């Protein structure tokens, strides 16, 4: 079983920064994709960013590109989401997820919620104006 635990959420003013962490534990496969999703009240859960455990490239959703950065510390099994220049519209519950599918292309990252096998419980991020 795989466990994902998010932390680092909180209340911040617009223009501020937060760093979210996702600690991965349990019986994880050798190759998988880590991702962050978010869900605002009354909206669908949406893709934010993803990268492979093995490193290499990453993908970021359009609304966060240039402001958010996904990274990971393999030695500690932690995935981070550095969020800068936060906007009110970034307010949401942020979820960490793992996709264990092995894709043909190394630069492909699914942005579909249904592709992800394991999920954390989420951490709330609230950005005030």
C-alpha atoms as a PDB file:
ATOM      1  CA  UNK A   1       0.000   0.000   0.000  1.00  0.00           C
ATOM      2  CA  UNK A   2       1.158   3.525  -0.814  1.00  0.00           C
ATOM      3  CA  UNK A   3       0.542   6.484   1.459  1.00  0.00           C
ATOM      4  CA  UNK A   4       0.733  10.161   0.498  1.00  0.00           C
ATOM      5  CA  UNK A   5       0.608  12.905   3.106  1.00  0.00           C
ATOM      6  CA  UNK A   6       0.491  16.568   2.130  1.00  0.00           C
ATOM      7  CA  UNK A   7       1.587  19.481   4.304  1.00  0.00           C
ATOM      8  CA  UNK A   8       2.487  23.139   4.040  1.00  0.00           C
ATOM      9  CA  UNK A   9      -0.862  24.656   3.215  1.00  0.00           C
ATOM     10  CA  UNK A  10      -2.190  27.745   4.933  1.00  0.00           C
ATOM     11  CA  UNK A  11      -3.402  31.313   4.563  1.00  0.00           C
ATOM     12  CA  UNK A  12      -1.286  33.764   2.571  1.00  0.00           C
ATOM     13  CA  UNK A  13      -1.800  37.171   1.024  1.00  0.00           C
ATOM     14  CA  UNK A  14      -1.911  37.619  -2.726  1.00  0.00           C
ATOM     15  CA  UNK A  15       1.613  37.916  -4.094  1.00  0.00           C
ATOM     16  CA  UNK A  16       3.019  35.694  -1.370  1.00  0.00           C
ATOM     17  CA  UNK A  17       4.595  32.251  -1.498  1.00  0.00           C
ATOM     18  CA  UNK A  18       4.033  28.804  -0.025  1.00  0.00           C
ATOM     19  CA  UNK A  19       5.812  25.490  -0.400  1.00  0.00           C
ATOM     20  CA  UNK A  20       3.742  22.338  -0.238  1.00  0.00           C
ATOM     21  CA  UNK A  21       5.283  18.977   0.622  1.00  0.00           C
ATOM     22  CA  UNK A  22       4.059  15.464  -0.106  1.00  0.00           C
ATOM     23  CA  UNK A  23       5.677  12.609   1.783  1.00  0.00           C
ATOM     24  CA  UNK A  24       5.480   9.278  -0.049  1.00  0.00           C
ATOM     25  CA  UNK A  25       5.704   6.023   1.899  1.00  0.00           C
ATOM     26  CA  UNK A  26       4.808   2.375   1.568  1.00  0.00           C
ATOM     27  CA  UNK A  27       5.411  -0.096  -1.239  1.00  0.00           C
ATOM     28  CA  UNK A  28       5.975   2.194  -4.197  1.00  0.00           C
ATOM     29  CA  UNK A  29       6.989   0.870  -7.627  1.00  0.00           C
ATOM     30  CA  UNK A  30      10.365   1.735  -9.083  1.00  0.00           C
ATOM     31  CA  UNK A  31       8.928   4.046 -11.723  1.00  0.00           C
ATOM     32  CA  UNK A  32       6.012   6.380 -11.271  1.00  0.00           C
ATOM     33  CA  UNK A  33       4.838   9.923 -11.833  1.00  0.00           C
ATOM     34  CA  UNK A  34       4.200  12.370  -9.001  1.00  0.00           C
ATOM     35  CA  UNK A  35       1.624  15.075  -9.537  1.00  0.00           C
ATOM     36  CA  UNK A  36      -0.215  17.867  -7.820  1.00  0.00           C
ATOM     37  CA  UNK A  37      -3.881  18.571  -8.440  1.00  0.00           C
ATOM     38  CA  UNK A  38      -6.157  21.160  -6.878  1.00  0.00           C
ATOM     39  CA  UNK A  39      -9.861  21.547  -6.313  1.00  0.00           C
ATOM     40  CA  UNK A  40     -11.594  24.832  -5.590  1.00  0.00           C
ATOM     41  CA  UNK A  41     -15.098  24.921  -4.051  1.00  0.00           C
ATOM     42  CA  UNK A  42     -17.727  23.996  -6.609  1.00  0.00           C
ATOM     43  CA  UNK A  43     -15.152  23.135  -9.280  1.00  0.00           C
ATOM     44  CA  UNK A  44     -13.635  20.004 -10.736  1.00  0.00           C
ATOM     45  CA  UNK A  45     -10.280  18.751  -9.535  1.00  0.00           C
ATOM     46  CA  UNK A  46      -7.666  20.038 -11.955  1.00  0.00           C
ATOM     47  CA  UNK A  47      -4.093  19.188 -12.858  1.00  0.00           C
ATOM     48  CA  UNK A  48      -1.375  21.496 -11.552  1.00  0.00           C
ATOM     49  CA  UNK A  49       2.024  19.886 -12.160  1.00  0.00           C
ATOM     50  CA  UNK A  50       3.786  16.530 -12.572  1.00  0.00           C
ATOM     51  CA  UNK A  51       7.213  14.956 -12.776  1.00  0.00           C
ATOM     52  CA  UNK A  52       8.702  11.465 -12.823  1.00  0.00           C
ATOM     53  CA  UNK A  53      10.346   9.905  -9.778  1.00  0.00           C
ATOM     54  CA  UNK A  54      13.385   9.299 -12.001  1.00  0.00           C
ATOM     55  CA  UNK A  55      13.649  12.998 -12.758  1.00  0.00           C
ATOM     56  CA  UNK A  56      13.927  14.493 -16.189  1.00  0.00           C
ATOM     57  CA  UNK A  57      11.293  16.878 -17.397  1.00  0.00           C
ATOM     58  CA  UNK A  58       8.109  18.103 -15.799  1.00  0.00           C
ATOM     59  CA  UNK A  59       4.784  19.586 -16.798  1.00  0.00           C
ATOM     60  CA  UNK A  60       2.897  22.541 -15.375  1.00  0.00           C
ATOM     61  CA  UNK A  61      -0.634  23.680 -16.131  1.00  0.00           C
ATOM     62  CA  UNK A  62      -1.022  26.930 -18.010  1.00  0.00           C
ATOM     63  CA  UNK A  63      -2.499  28.995 -15.152  1.00  0.00           C
ATOM     64  CA  UNK A  64       0.485  28.227 -12.887  1.00  0.00           C
ATOM     65  CA  UNK A  65       3.330  28.101 -15.386  1.00  0.00           C
ATOM     66  CA  UNK A  66       6.111  30.474 -14.397  1.00  0.00           C
ATOM     67  CA  UNK A  67       4.763  30.775 -10.836  1.00  0.00           C
ATOM     68  CA  UNK A  68       4.681  27.177  -9.507  1.00  0.00           C
ATOM     69  CA  UNK A  69       7.481  24.611  -9.659  1.00  0.00           C
ATOM     70  CA  UNK A  70       7.320  20.901  -8.882  1.00  0.00           C
ATOM     71  CA  UNK A  71      10.435  19.175  -7.557  1.00  0.00           C
ATOM     72  CA  UNK A  72      11.348  16.149  -5.482  1.00  0.00           C
ATOM     73  CA  UNK A  73      13.904  14.839  -3.019  1.00  0.00           C
ATOM     74  CA  UNK A  74      14.329  11.158  -3.852  1.00  0.00           C
ATOM     75  CA  UNK A  75      16.475  10.453  -0.808  1.00  0.00           C
ATOM     76  CA  UNK A  76      13.633  11.557   1.473  1.00  0.00           C
ATOM     77  CA  UNK A  77      10.752  10.543  -0.828  1.00  0.00           C
ATOM     78  CA  UNK A  78       9.238  14.019  -0.705  1.00  0.00           C
ATOM     79  CA  UNK A  79       7.642  15.907  -3.582  1.00  0.00           C
ATOM     80  CA  UNK A  80       7.395  19.689  -3.369  1.00  0.00           C
ATOM     81  CA  UNK A  81       5.276  22.341  -5.004  1.00  0.00           C
ATOM     82  CA  UNK A  82       6.831  25.786  -4.713  1.00  0.00           C
ATOM     83  CA  UNK A  83       4.117  28.379  -5.259  1.00  0.00           C
ATOM     84  CA  UNK A  84       5.130  31.982  -5.871  1.00  0.00           C
ATOM     85  CA  UNK A  85       3.154  35.097  -6.823  1.00  0.00           C
ATOM     86  CA  UNK A  86       0.018  33.507  -5.452  1.00  0.00           C
ATOM     87  CA  UNK A  87      -3.354  34.793  -6.641  1.00  0.00           C
ATOM     88  CA  UNK A  88      -6.776  34.652  -5.036  1.00  0.00           C
ATOM     89  CA  UNK A  89      -7.826  32.188  -7.736  1.00  0.00           C
ATOM     90  CA  UNK A  90      -5.175  29.738  -6.527  1.00  0.00           C
ATOM     91  CA  UNK A  91      -7.306  29.114  -3.443  1.00  0.00           C
ATOM     92  CA  UNK A  92      -8.107  25.403  -3.346  1.00  0.00           C
ATOM     93  CA  UNK A  93      -7.403  22.114  -1.654  1.00  0.00           C
ATOM     94  CA  UNK A  94      -4.169  20.773  -3.116  1.00  0.00           C
ATOM     95  CA  UNK A  95      -3.732  17.046  -3.565  1.00  0.00           C
ATOM     96  CA  UNK A  96      -0.663  14.918  -4.178  1.00  0.00           C
ATOM     97  CA  UNK A  97      -1.103  11.898  -6.461  1.00  0.00           C
ATOM     98  CA  UNK A  98       0.830   9.037  -8.077  1.00  0.00           C
ATOM     99  CA  UNK A  99       0.400   7.528 -11.535  1.00  0.00           C
ATOM    100  CA  UNK A 100       2.020   4.102 -11.874  1.00  0.00           C
ATOM    101  CA  UNK A 101       1.359   3.738 -15.624  1.00  0.00           C
ATOM    102  CA  UNK A 102       4.452   3.299 -17.776  1.00  0.00           C
ATOM    103  CA  UNK A 103       3.954   5.463 -20.862  1.00  0.00           C
ATOM    104  CA  UNK A 104       5.750   5.061 -24.177  1.00  0.00           C
ATOM    105  CA  UNK A 105       6.950   8.664 -24.152  1.00  0.00           C
ATOM    106  CA  UNK A 106       9.178   9.885 -21.347  1.00  0.00           C
ATOM    107  CA  UNK A 107       7.862  13.415 -21.780  1.00  0.00           C
ATOM    108  CA  UNK A 108       4.190  12.496 -21.425  1.00  0.00           C
ATOM    109  CA  UNK A 109       2.283  13.292 -18.237  1.00  0.00           C
ATOM    110  CA  UNK A 110      -1.400  12.538 -17.908  1.00  0.00           C
ATOM    111  CA  UNK A 111      -3.511  15.473 -16.781  1.00  0.00           C
ATOM    112  CA  UNK A 112      -6.531  13.270 -16.175  1.00  0.00           C
ATOM    113  CA  UNK A 113      -7.576  12.595 -12.617  1.00  0.00           C
ATOM    114  CA  UNK A 114      -8.579   9.046 -13.576  1.00  0.00           C
ATOM    115  CA  UNK A 115      -4.991   8.149 -14.512  1.00  0.00           C
ATOM    116  CA  UNK A 116      -3.759   8.479 -10.946  1.00  0.00           C
ATOM    117  CA  UNK A 117      -3.794   5.458  -8.653  1.00  0.00           C
ATOM    118  CA  UNK A 118      -2.984   6.911  -5.248  1.00  0.00           C
ATOM    119  CA  UNK A 119      -4.035  10.157  -3.589  1.00  0.00           C
ATOM    120  CA  UNK A 120      -3.349  12.078  -0.431  1.00  0.00           C
ATOM    121  CA  UNK A 121      -6.075  13.727   1.638  1.00  0.00           C
ATOM    122  CA  UNK A 122      -5.146  17.232   0.559  1.00  0.00           C
ATOM    123  CA  UNK A 123      -3.981  20.456   2.163  1.00  0.00           C
ATOM    124  CA  UNK A 124      -5.912  23.737   2.077  1.00  0.00           C
ATOM    125  CA  UNK A 125      -4.351  26.806   0.476  1.00  0.00           C
ATOM    126  CA  UNK A 126      -6.191  30.083   0.932  1.00  0.00           C
ATOM    127  CA  UNK A 127      -5.001  33.252  -0.769  1.00  0.00           C
ATOM    128  CA  UNK A 128      -6.491  36.505   0.488  1.00  0.00           C
ATOM    129  CA  UNK A 129      -6.686  39.767  -1.447  1.00  0.00           C
END
